[in-house]
Amino acid sequence: MRHRRRTVGLHNPVNKPAVAFAAFGTADGKRLVRPDAKFHQFVAHDRRHGKLKYSPNTVTARLGALRFFYIKVLKRNWSIAETPYPRKVIHLPEILSPEEVAHLIDASRTPFQRAVLMTLYATGARRAEAATLKLSDIDSRRMVVHIQGGKGRKDRDVMLSPRLLDALREYWRSKRPHVYLFPSSCGHRGVEQPISDKTIWNVCRAAARRAGLEDRHIHPHTLRHCFATHLLEAGADLRTIQMLLGHRDLEETTIYLHLSQQHLSATASPLDALTFSTPGGHKHSS
């Protein structure tokens, strides 16, 4: 079983709110008050200029960390009714046109950078999934890429583009990795380790700057969104895209209907069905 290189514990960034909350709630270093009352004090403590410091999605994530802290660590009860989660805010992600994606990939400077960007776009992999790909995951006989240990620890297969395979072969000839497709240069005692997902983030951001797209907030997940949206525009059905992305629920995948230019332009505005008496839309007064 493959495990991601993420430390589990209260010093994990995900659990930092639990540590901060514990420090905030224990002035005497010995006791914690009820989570419902103290949490609202904790949120209020982080207000600035009358506005919450954190977005609703961040508050939801931090509430989850605190709930875990109370139930699993302190072995205490936690009332969801008394600590309601804020309404989730859904933002439509940034999408690039196919031409902009090509421009982004062309802005790479090395075979490694080009291979990373092409892998993200051609497979729809998350950056943590792309970082831990192994050479054995590239199945050139069946023309599939095995993505193992994805979100929810679910494995899935995605298509292997012939153009991606050519790029990976060119990259392999320059790098000669042995185990991981994208090995780190900081391997310990000769043991090959995968690159960090932060490295993938930096590759994508650097290419975006060189491509003149730095104001578009481009990051590795943008290429995942582009992968799904462009597949939808090319005629792929939502169920297939759901399987390729590894979504548990089809509802997660339906967001790409809002992003597909083909689906948006195929639906006429009701304004176009109206009949006006004059070109300007106003009747002449006598």
C-alpha atoms as a PDB file:
ATOM      1  CA  MET A   1       0.000   0.000   0.000  1.00  0.00           C
ATOM      2  CA  ARG A   2       1.330   3.387  -0.946  1.00  0.00           C
ATOM      3  CA  HIS A   3       1.116   6.209   1.567  1.00  0.00           C
ATOM      4  CA  ARG A   4       1.511   9.863   0.763  1.00  0.00           C
ATOM      5  CA  ARG A   5       4.438  11.641   2.278  1.00  0.00           C
ATOM      6  CA  ARG A   6       2.351  13.614   4.720  1.00  0.00           C
ATOM      7  CA  THR A   7       3.012  13.602   8.409  1.00  0.00           C
ATOM      8  CA  VAL A   8       0.040  12.587  10.515  1.00  0.00           C
ATOM      9  CA  GLY A   9      -0.373  14.313  13.840  1.00  0.00           C
ATOM     10  CA  LEU A  10      -1.259  17.565  15.486  1.00  0.00           C
ATOM     11  CA  HIS A  11       1.694  19.297  13.857  1.00  0.00           C
ATOM     12  CA  ASN A  12       0.198  18.570  10.436  1.00  0.00           C
ATOM     13  CA  PRO A  13      -0.886  21.914   8.847  1.00  0.00           C
ATOM     14  CA  VAL A  14      -4.423  20.553   8.585  1.00  0.00           C
ATOM     15  CA  ASN A  15      -4.531  20.182  12.371  1.00  0.00           C
ATOM     16  CA  LYS A  16      -2.928  23.528  13.257  1.00  0.00           C
ATOM     17  CA  PRO A  17      -6.353  24.962  14.144  1.00  0.00           C
ATOM     18  CA  ALA A  18      -6.718  22.292  16.816  1.00  0.00           C
ATOM     19  CA  VAL A  19      -3.387  23.260  18.342  1.00  0.00           C
ATOM     20  CA  ALA A  20      -4.203  26.977  18.210  1.00  0.00           C
ATOM     21  CA  PHE A  21      -7.643  26.348  19.655  1.00  0.00           C
ATOM     22  CA  ALA A  22      -6.184  24.292  22.494  1.00  0.00           C
ATOM     23  CA  ALA A  23      -3.752  27.081  23.337  1.00  0.00           C
ATOM     24  CA  PHE A  24      -6.525  29.671  23.113  1.00  0.00           C
ATOM     25  CA  GLY A  25      -8.865  27.659  25.324  1.00  0.00           C
ATOM     26  CA  THR A  26      -6.441  26.715  28.085  1.00  0.00           C
ATOM     27  CA  ALA A  27      -5.181  29.836  29.774  1.00  0.00           C
ATOM     28  CA  ASP A  28      -4.345  27.743  32.832  1.00  0.00           C
ATOM     29  CA  GLY A  29      -2.875  24.976  30.689  1.00  0.00           C
ATOM     30  CA  LYS A  30      -5.175  22.372  32.236  1.00  0.00           C
ATOM     31  CA  ARG A  31      -8.706  22.587  30.927  1.00  0.00           C
ATOM     32  CA  LEU A  32     -10.783  23.138  27.794  1.00  0.00           C
ATOM     33  CA  VAL A  33     -14.272  24.564  27.933  1.00  0.00           C
ATOM     34  CA  ARG A  34     -17.224  23.322  25.888  1.00  0.00           C
ATOM     35  CA  PRO A  35     -16.418  23.405  22.151  1.00  0.00           C
ATOM     36  CA  ASP A  36     -19.578  25.285  21.172  1.00  0.00           C
ATOM     37  CA  ALA A  37     -18.937  28.318  23.385  1.00  0.00           C
ATOM     38  CA  LYS A  38     -15.168  28.440  23.001  1.00  0.00           C
ATOM     39  CA  PHE A  39     -15.203  27.965  19.217  1.00  0.00           C
ATOM     40  CA  HIS A  40     -17.292  31.069  18.670  1.00  0.00           C
ATOM     41  CA  GLN A  41     -14.911  33.004  20.938  1.00  0.00           C
ATOM     42  CA  PHE A  42     -12.040  31.590  18.892  1.00  0.00           C
ATOM     43  CA  VAL A  43     -13.631  32.740  15.616  1.00  0.00           C
ATOM     44  CA  ALA A  44     -14.433  36.148  17.098  1.00  0.00           C
ATOM     45  CA  HIS A  45     -10.852  36.400  18.280  1.00  0.00           C
ATOM     46  CA  ASP A  46      -9.793  36.251  14.612  1.00  0.00           C
ATOM     47  CA  ARG A  47     -12.061  38.994  13.310  1.00  0.00           C
ATOM     48  CA  ARG A  48     -10.580  42.000  11.530  1.00  0.00           C
ATOM     49  CA  HIS A  49     -12.421  45.176  10.658  1.00  0.00           C
ATOM     50  CA  GLY A  50     -15.758  43.541  11.365  1.00  0.00           C
ATOM     51  CA  LYS A  51     -15.165  40.720   8.891  1.00  0.00           C
ATOM     52  CA  LEU A  52     -14.168  37.110   9.406  1.00  0.00           C
ATOM     53  CA  LYS A  53     -10.509  36.519   8.790  1.00  0.00           C
ATOM     54  CA  TYR A  54     -11.260  33.125   7.249  1.00  0.00           C
ATOM     55  CA  SER A  55     -13.545  32.152   4.382  1.00  0.00           C
ATOM     56  CA  PRO A  56     -16.525  29.858   5.020  1.00  0.00           C
ATOM     57  CA  ASN A  57     -14.671  26.965   3.356  1.00  0.00           C
ATOM     58  CA  THR A  58     -11.667  27.503   5.640  1.00  0.00           C
ATOM     59  CA  VAL A  59     -13.893  27.682   8.699  1.00  0.00           C
ATOM     60  CA  THR A  60     -15.510  24.393   7.642  1.00  0.00           C
ATOM     61  CA  ALA A  61     -12.110  22.728   7.305  1.00  0.00           C
ATOM     62  CA  ARG A  62     -10.994  24.038  10.683  1.00  0.00           C
ATOM     63  CA  LEU A  63     -14.211  22.935  12.317  1.00  0.00           C
ATOM     64  CA  GLY A  64     -13.516  19.450  10.992  1.00  0.00           C
ATOM     65  CA  ALA A  65     -10.031  19.514  12.521  1.00  0.00           C
ATOM     66  CA  LEU A  66     -11.415  20.660  15.870  1.00  0.00           C
ATOM     67  CA  ARG A  67     -14.128  18.010  15.774  1.00  0.00           C
ATOM     68  CA  PHE A  68     -11.457  15.354  15.204  1.00  0.00           C
ATOM     69  CA  PHE A  69      -9.420  16.829  18.070  1.00  0.00           C
ATOM     70  CA  TYR A  70     -12.316  16.632  20.509  1.00  0.00           C
ATOM     71  CA  ILE A  71     -13.622  13.202  19.511  1.00  0.00           C
ATOM     72  CA  LYS A  72     -10.407  11.287  18.763  1.00  0.00           C
ATOM     73  CA  VAL A  73      -7.852  12.994  20.996  1.00  0.00           C
ATOM     74  CA  LEU A  74      -9.808  14.276  23.982  1.00  0.00           C
ATOM     75  CA  LYS A  75     -12.470  11.528  23.781  1.00  0.00           C
ATOM     76  CA  ARG A  76     -15.169  14.117  24.362  1.00  0.00           C
ATOM     77  CA  ASN A  77     -18.557  14.735  22.783  1.00  0.00           C
ATOM     78  CA  TRP A  78     -19.008  17.183  19.947  1.00  0.00           C
ATOM     79  CA  SER A  79     -22.376  18.627  19.006  1.00  0.00           C
ATOM     80  CA  ILE A  80     -22.801  19.486  15.333  1.00  0.00           C
ATOM     81  CA  ALA A  81     -26.106  21.181  16.178  1.00  0.00           C
ATOM     82  CA  GLU A  82     -24.356  23.588  18.555  1.00  0.00           C
ATOM     83  CA  THR A  83     -21.450  24.267  16.195  1.00  0.00           C
ATOM     84  CA  PRO A  84     -23.138  24.716  12.797  1.00  0.00           C
ATOM     85  CA  TYR A  85     -21.012  24.662   9.696  1.00  0.00           C
ATOM     86  CA  PRO A  86     -21.168  27.789   7.498  1.00  0.00           C
ATOM     87  CA  ARG A  87     -22.728  27.535   4.074  1.00  0.00           C
ATOM     88  CA  LYS A  88     -20.160  26.304   1.577  1.00  0.00           C
ATOM     89  CA  VAL A  89     -19.106  28.806  -1.081  1.00  0.00           C
ATOM     90  CA  ILE A  90     -18.707  27.330  -4.559  1.00  0.00           C
ATOM     91  CA  HIS A  91     -16.543  29.274  -6.997  1.00  0.00           C
ATOM     92  CA  LEU A  92     -16.194  28.325 -10.638  1.00  0.00           C
ATOM     93  CA  PRO A  93     -12.551  27.469 -11.334  1.00  0.00           C
ATOM     94  CA  GLU A  94     -10.328  29.251 -13.828  1.00  0.00           C
ATOM     95  CA  ILE A  95     -10.299  27.575 -17.234  1.00  0.00           C
ATOM     96  CA  LEU A  96      -7.800  28.004 -20.064  1.00  0.00           C
ATOM     97  CA  SER A  97      -8.577  27.524 -23.726  1.00  0.00           C
ATOM     98  CA  PRO A  98      -6.737  24.678 -25.515  1.00  0.00           C
ATOM     99  CA  GLU A  99      -4.544  27.303 -27.167  1.00  0.00           C
ATOM    100  CA  GLU A 100      -3.616  28.780 -23.785  1.00  0.00           C
ATOM    101  CA  VAL A 101      -2.803  25.314 -22.416  1.00  0.00           C
ATOM    102  CA  ALA A 102      -0.482  24.735 -25.376  1.00  0.00           C
ATOM    103  CA  HIS A 103       1.127  28.134 -24.741  1.00  0.00           C
ATOM    104  CA  LEU A 104       1.622  27.232 -21.076  1.00  0.00           C
ATOM    105  CA  ILE A 105       3.287  23.910 -21.936  1.00  0.00           C
ATOM    106  CA  ASP A 106       5.477  25.589 -24.562  1.00  0.00           C
ATOM    107  CA  ALA A 107       6.708  27.962 -21.845  1.00  0.00           C
ATOM    108  CA  SER A 108       8.476  25.076 -20.082  1.00  0.00           C
ATOM    109  CA  ARG A 109      12.266  25.234 -20.245  1.00  0.00           C
ATOM    110  CA  THR A 110      13.332  21.632 -19.670  1.00  0.00           C
ATOM    111  CA  PRO A 111      12.069  18.149 -20.648  1.00  0.00           C
ATOM    112  CA  PHE A 112      11.221  17.639 -16.951  1.00  0.00           C
ATOM    113  CA  GLN A 113       9.028  20.745 -16.761  1.00  0.00           C
ATOM    114  CA  ARG A 114       7.338  19.895 -20.048  1.00  0.00           C
ATOM    115  CA  ALA A 115       6.678  16.320 -18.917  1.00  0.00           C
ATOM    116  CA  VAL A 116       5.157  17.524 -15.626  1.00  0.00           C
ATOM    117  CA  LEU A 117       2.778  19.967 -17.314  1.00  0.00           C
ATOM    118  CA  MET A 118       1.784  17.512 -20.024  1.00  0.00           C
ATOM    119  CA  THR A 119       1.140  14.802 -17.430  1.00  0.00           C
ATOM    120  CA  LEU A 120      -1.150  17.079 -15.424  1.00  0.00           C
ATOM    121  CA  TYR A 121      -3.177  18.057 -18.482  1.00  0.00           C
ATOM    122  CA  ALA A 122      -3.210  14.688 -20.275  1.00  0.00           C
ATOM    123  CA  THR A 123      -4.278  12.645 -17.237  1.00  0.00           C
ATOM    124  CA  GLY A 124      -6.229  15.084 -15.057  1.00  0.00           C
ATOM    125  CA  ALA A 125      -4.133  13.956 -12.110  1.00  0.00           C
ATOM    126  CA  ARG A 126      -4.002  15.934  -8.894  1.00  0.00           C
ATOM    127  CA  ARG A 127      -0.541  17.312  -8.148  1.00  0.00           C
ATOM    128  CA  ALA A 128       0.019  14.866  -5.265  1.00  0.00           C
ATOM    129  CA  GLU A 129      -0.942  11.999  -7.584  1.00  0.00           C
ATOM    130  CA  ALA A 130       1.371  13.193 -10.347  1.00  0.00           C
ATOM    131  CA  ALA A 131       4.247  13.646  -7.888  1.00  0.00           C
ATOM    132  CA  THR A 132       4.133  10.001  -6.766  1.00  0.00           C
ATOM    133  CA  LEU A 133       3.706   8.329 -10.157  1.00  0.00           C
ATOM    134  CA  LYS A 134       6.109   5.452 -10.746  1.00  0.00           C
ATOM    135  CA  LEU A 135       7.605   4.267 -13.999  1.00  0.00           C
ATOM    136  CA  SER A 136       5.594   1.067 -13.572  1.00  0.00           C
ATOM    137  CA  ASP A 137       2.412   3.166 -13.613  1.00  0.00           C
ATOM    138  CA  ILE A 138       3.012   4.087 -17.256  1.00  0.00           C
ATOM    139  CA  ASP A 139       1.570   1.125 -19.164  1.00  0.00           C
ATOM    140  CA  SER A 140       2.565   1.662 -22.778  1.00  0.00           C
ATOM    141  CA  ARG A 141       1.203  -1.724 -23.872  1.00  0.00           C
ATOM    142  CA  ARG A 142      -2.356  -0.966 -22.762  1.00  0.00           C
ATOM    143  CA  MET A 143      -1.835   2.798 -23.197  1.00  0.00           C
ATOM    144  CA  VAL A 144      -3.095   3.655 -19.730  1.00  0.00           C
ATOM    145  CA  VAL A 145      -1.668   5.431 -16.693  1.00  0.00           C
ATOM    146  CA  HIS A 146      -2.296   3.811 -13.321  1.00  0.00           C
ATOM    147  CA  ILE A 147      -3.012   6.434 -10.672  1.00  0.00           C
ATOM    148  CA  GLN A 148      -2.679   4.710  -7.313  1.00  0.00           C
ATOM    149  CA  GLY A 149      -3.543   5.946  -3.853  1.00  0.00           C
ATOM    150  CA  GLY A 150      -5.551   8.912  -5.068  1.00  0.00           C
ATOM    151  CA  LYS A 151      -7.948  10.964  -2.986  1.00  0.00           C
ATOM    152  CA  GLY A 152      -9.832   8.606  -0.697  1.00  0.00           C
ATOM    153  CA  ARG A 153      -7.052   6.055  -1.391  1.00  0.00           C
ATOM    154  CA  LYS A 154      -8.781   5.003  -4.580  1.00  0.00           C
ATOM    155  CA  ASP A 155      -6.898   3.703  -7.604  1.00  0.00           C
ATOM    156  CA  ARG A 156      -7.976   4.479 -11.143  1.00  0.00           C
ATOM    157  CA  ASP A 157      -6.750   4.200 -14.715  1.00  0.00           C
ATOM    158  CA  VAL A 158      -6.691   7.043 -17.222  1.00  0.00           C
ATOM    159  CA  MET A 159      -5.783   7.160 -20.872  1.00  0.00           C
ATOM    160  CA  LEU A 160      -2.123   7.432 -21.932  1.00  0.00           C
ATOM    161  CA  SER A 161      -1.843   9.939 -24.742  1.00  0.00           C
ATOM    162  CA  PRO A 162       0.680   8.965 -27.455  1.00  0.00           C
ATOM    163  CA  ARG A 163       1.971  12.554 -27.351  1.00  0.00           C
ATOM    164  CA  LEU A 164       2.437  12.296 -23.594  1.00  0.00           C
ATOM    165  CA  LEU A 165       4.245   8.974 -24.027  1.00  0.00           C
ATOM    166  CA  ASP A 166       6.652  10.573 -26.505  1.00  0.00           C
ATOM    167  CA  ALA A 167       7.306  13.462 -24.103  1.00  0.00           C
ATOM    168  CA  LEU A 168       7.886  11.074 -21.199  1.00  0.00           C
ATOM    169  CA  ARG A 169      10.336   9.019 -23.242  1.00  0.00           C
ATOM    170  CA  GLU A 170      12.274  12.158 -24.184  1.00  0.00           C
ATOM    171  CA  TYR A 171      12.308  13.208 -20.546  1.00  0.00           C
ATOM    172  CA  TRP A 172      13.403   9.713 -19.409  1.00  0.00           C
ATOM    173  CA  ARG A 173      16.405   9.804 -21.746  1.00  0.00           C
ATOM    174  CA  SER A 174      17.598  13.021 -20.090  1.00  0.00           C
ATOM    175  CA  LYS A 175      16.827  12.120 -16.463  1.00  0.00           C
ATOM    176  CA  ARG A 176      17.019   8.287 -16.362  1.00  0.00           C
ATOM    177  CA  PRO A 177      14.782   7.773 -13.306  1.00  0.00           C
ATOM    178  CA  HIS A 178      14.656   4.263 -11.830  1.00  0.00           C
ATOM    179  CA  VAL A 179      11.540   4.011  -9.656  1.00  0.00           C
ATOM    180  CA  TYR A 180       9.558   7.234  -9.605  1.00  0.00           C
ATOM    181  CA  LEU A 181       8.619   9.022 -12.797  1.00  0.00           C
ATOM    182  CA  PHE A 182       9.600  12.346 -11.248  1.00  0.00           C
ATOM    183  CA  PRO A 183      12.300  11.609  -8.639  1.00  0.00           C
ATOM    184  CA  SER A 184      13.565  14.185  -6.194  1.00  0.00           C
ATOM    185  CA  SER A 185      17.167  15.332  -6.357  1.00  0.00           C
ATOM    186  CA  CYS A 186      17.243  15.116  -2.542  1.00  0.00           C
ATOM    187  CA  GLY A 187      17.071  11.341  -2.175  1.00  0.00           C
ATOM    188  CA  HIS A 188      18.360  10.039   1.159  1.00  0.00           C
ATOM    189  CA  ARG A 189      21.362   7.700   0.990  1.00  0.00           C
ATOM    190  CA  GLY A 190      20.746   6.749  -2.598  1.00  0.00           C
ATOM    191  CA  VAL A 191      17.090   5.839  -2.044  1.00  0.00           C
ATOM    192  CA  GLU A 192      15.015   7.426  -4.774  1.00  0.00           C
ATOM    193  CA  GLN A 193      12.137   9.567  -3.522  1.00  0.00           C
ATOM    194  CA  PRO A 194       9.389  11.343  -5.474  1.00  0.00           C
ATOM    195  CA  ILE A 195       9.344  15.087  -5.859  1.00  0.00           C
ATOM    196  CA  SER A 196       7.103  17.080  -3.554  1.00  0.00           C
ATOM    197  CA  ASP A 197       3.798  18.418  -4.813  1.00  0.00           C
ATOM    198  CA  LYS A 198       5.203  21.873  -4.042  1.00  0.00           C
ATOM    199  CA  THR A 199       7.742  21.325  -6.834  1.00  0.00           C
ATOM    200  CA  ILE A 200       4.894  20.685  -9.249  1.00  0.00           C
ATOM    201  CA  TRP A 201       3.205  23.858  -8.030  1.00  0.00           C
ATOM    202  CA  ASN A 202       6.387  25.855  -8.687  1.00  0.00           C
ATOM    203  CA  VAL A 203       6.795  24.375 -12.187  1.00  0.00           C
ATOM    204  CA  CYS A 204       3.252  25.391 -13.100  1.00  0.00           C
ATOM    205  CA  ARG A 205       3.502  28.898 -11.656  1.00  0.00           C
ATOM    206  CA  ALA A 206       6.861  29.542 -13.349  1.00  0.00           C
ATOM    207  CA  ALA A 207       5.475  28.434 -16.723  1.00  0.00           C
ATOM    208  CA  ALA A 208       2.416  30.655 -16.230  1.00  0.00           C
ATOM    209  CA  ARG A 209       4.661  33.680 -15.641  1.00  0.00           C
ATOM    210  CA  ARG A 210       6.727  32.968 -18.746  1.00  0.00           C
ATOM    211  CA  ALA A 211       3.542  32.459 -20.780  1.00  0.00           C
ATOM    212  CA  GLY A 212       2.156  35.810 -19.654  1.00  0.00           C
ATOM    213  CA  LEU A 213      -0.646  34.138 -17.664  1.00  0.00           C
ATOM    214  CA  GLU A 214       0.496  35.114 -14.184  1.00  0.00           C
ATOM    215  CA  ASP A 215      -2.605  37.263 -13.590  1.00  0.00           C
ATOM    216  CA  ARG A 216      -4.888  34.277 -14.289  1.00  0.00           C
ATOM    217  CA  HIS A 217      -4.134  32.457 -10.993  1.00  0.00           C
ATOM    218  CA  ILE A 218      -2.945  29.329 -12.796  1.00  0.00           C
ATOM    219  CA  HIS A 219      -1.927  26.356 -10.628  1.00  0.00           C
ATOM    220  CA  PRO A 220      -1.658  22.561 -11.147  1.00  0.00           C
ATOM    221  CA  HIS A 221      -5.357  21.975 -10.413  1.00  0.00           C
ATOM    222  CA  THR A 222      -6.204  24.389 -13.240  1.00  0.00           C
ATOM    223  CA  LEU A 223      -4.901  21.801 -15.701  1.00  0.00           C
ATOM    224  CA  ARG A 224      -7.127  19.179 -14.076  1.00  0.00           C
ATOM    225  CA  HIS A 225     -10.117  21.456 -14.607  1.00  0.00           C
ATOM    226  CA  CYS A 226      -9.039  22.070 -18.207  1.00  0.00           C
ATOM    227  CA  PHE A 227      -8.691  18.307 -18.764  1.00  0.00           C
ATOM    228  CA  ALA A 228     -12.298  17.717 -17.675  1.00  0.00           C
ATOM    229  CA  THR A 229     -13.792  20.749 -19.429  1.00  0.00           C
ATOM    230  CA  HIS A 230     -12.052  20.104 -22.740  1.00  0.00           C
ATOM    231  CA  LEU A 231     -13.104  16.428 -22.628  1.00  0.00           C
ATOM    232  CA  LEU A 232     -16.705  17.516 -22.098  1.00  0.00           C
ATOM    233  CA  GLU A 233     -16.485  19.941 -25.013  1.00  0.00           C
ATOM    234  CA  ALA A 234     -15.048  17.136 -27.173  1.00  0.00           C
ATOM    235  CA  GLY A 235     -18.132  14.989 -26.533  1.00  0.00           C
ATOM    236  CA  ALA A 236     -17.178  12.846 -23.512  1.00  0.00           C
ATOM    237  CA  ASP A 237     -20.059  12.087 -21.166  1.00  0.00           C
ATOM    238  CA  LEU A 238     -20.099  13.114 -17.515  1.00  0.00           C
ATOM    239  CA  ARG A 239     -19.957   9.542 -16.214  1.00  0.00           C
ATOM    240  CA  THR A 240     -16.712   8.883 -18.107  1.00  0.00           C
ATOM    241  CA  ILE A 241     -15.208  12.146 -16.862  1.00  0.00           C
ATOM    242  CA  GLN A 242     -16.256  11.251 -13.313  1.00  0.00           C
ATOM    243  CA  MET A 243     -14.359   7.951 -13.534  1.00  0.00           C
ATOM    244  CA  LEU A 244     -11.273   9.604 -15.049  1.00  0.00           C
ATOM    245  CA  LEU A 245     -11.186  12.258 -12.311  1.00  0.00           C
ATOM    246  CA  GLY A 246     -11.840   9.784  -9.513  1.00  0.00           C
ATOM    247  CA  HIS A 247     -14.875  11.679  -8.229  1.00  0.00           C
ATOM    248  CA  ARG A 248     -16.978   9.756  -5.735  1.00  0.00           C
ATOM    249  CA  ASP A 249     -20.168  11.607  -6.614  1.00  0.00           C
ATOM    250  CA  LEU A 250     -21.353  12.608 -10.087  1.00  0.00           C
ATOM    251  CA  GLU A 251     -22.511  15.915  -8.609  1.00  0.00           C
ATOM    252  CA  GLU A 252     -18.846  16.902  -8.212  1.00  0.00           C
ATOM    253  CA  THR A 253     -18.389  16.455 -11.956  1.00  0.00           C
ATOM    254  CA  THR A 254     -21.437  18.461 -13.030  1.00  0.00           C
ATOM    255  CA  ILE A 255     -19.596  21.711 -12.261  1.00  0.00           C
ATOM    256  CA  TYR A 256     -17.893  21.311 -15.640  1.00  0.00           C
ATOM    257  CA  LEU A 257     -21.244  21.845 -17.349  1.00  0.00           C
ATOM    258  CA  HIS A 258     -20.964  25.448 -16.120  1.00  0.00           C
ATOM    259  CA  LEU A 259     -17.494  25.746 -17.639  1.00  0.00           C
ATOM    260  CA  SER A 260     -18.021  24.142 -21.030  1.00  0.00           C
ATOM    261  CA  GLN A 261     -18.199  26.814 -23.723  1.00  0.00           C
ATOM    262  CA  GLN A 262     -19.969  24.342 -26.010  1.00  0.00           C
ATOM    263  CA  HIS A 263     -22.769  23.731 -23.510  1.00  0.00           C
ATOM    264  CA  LEU A 264     -23.114  27.422 -22.676  1.00  0.00           C
ATOM    265  CA  SER A 265     -23.288  28.570 -26.291  1.00  0.00           C
ATOM    266  CA  ALA A 266     -25.749  25.791 -27.212  1.00  0.00           C
ATOM    267  CA  THR A 267     -28.333  27.281 -24.866  1.00  0.00           C
ATOM    268  CA  ALA A 268     -30.053  30.401 -26.201  1.00  0.00           C
ATOM    269  CA  SER A 269     -30.971  33.276 -23.928  1.00  0.00           C
ATOM    270  CA  PRO A 270     -34.754  33.791 -23.530  1.00  0.00           C
ATOM    271  CA  LEU A 271     -34.155  37.394 -24.600  1.00  0.00           C
ATOM    272  CA  ASP A 272     -33.504  36.148 -28.139  1.00  0.00           C
ATOM    273  CA  ALA A 273     -37.063  34.757 -28.352  1.00  0.00           C
ATOM    274  CA  LEU A 274     -38.737  38.096 -27.668  1.00  0.00           C
ATOM    275  CA  THR A 275     -40.261  40.201 -30.416  1.00  0.00           C
ATOM    276  CA  PHE A 276     -39.899  43.963 -30.117  1.00  0.00           C
ATOM    277  CA  SER A 277     -41.978  46.524 -32.010  1.00  0.00           C
ATOM    278  CA  THR A 278     -38.886  48.609 -32.804  1.00  0.00           C
ATOM    279  CA  PRO A 279     -35.169  47.776 -33.057  1.00  0.00           C
ATOM    280  CA  GLY A 280     -34.582  49.662 -29.824  1.00  0.00           C
ATOM    281  CA  GLY A 281     -37.182  47.634 -27.963  1.00  0.00           C
ATOM    282  CA  HIS A 282     -39.541  50.571 -27.240  1.00  0.00           C
ATOM    283  CA  LYS A 283     -42.921  51.313 -28.796  1.00  0.00           C
ATOM    284  CA  HIS A 284     -43.420  54.701 -30.430  1.00  0.00           C
ATOM    285  CA  SER A 285     -45.789  56.988 -28.558  1.00  0.00           C
ATOM    286  CA  SER A 286     -48.394  58.862 -30.690  1.00  0.00           C
END
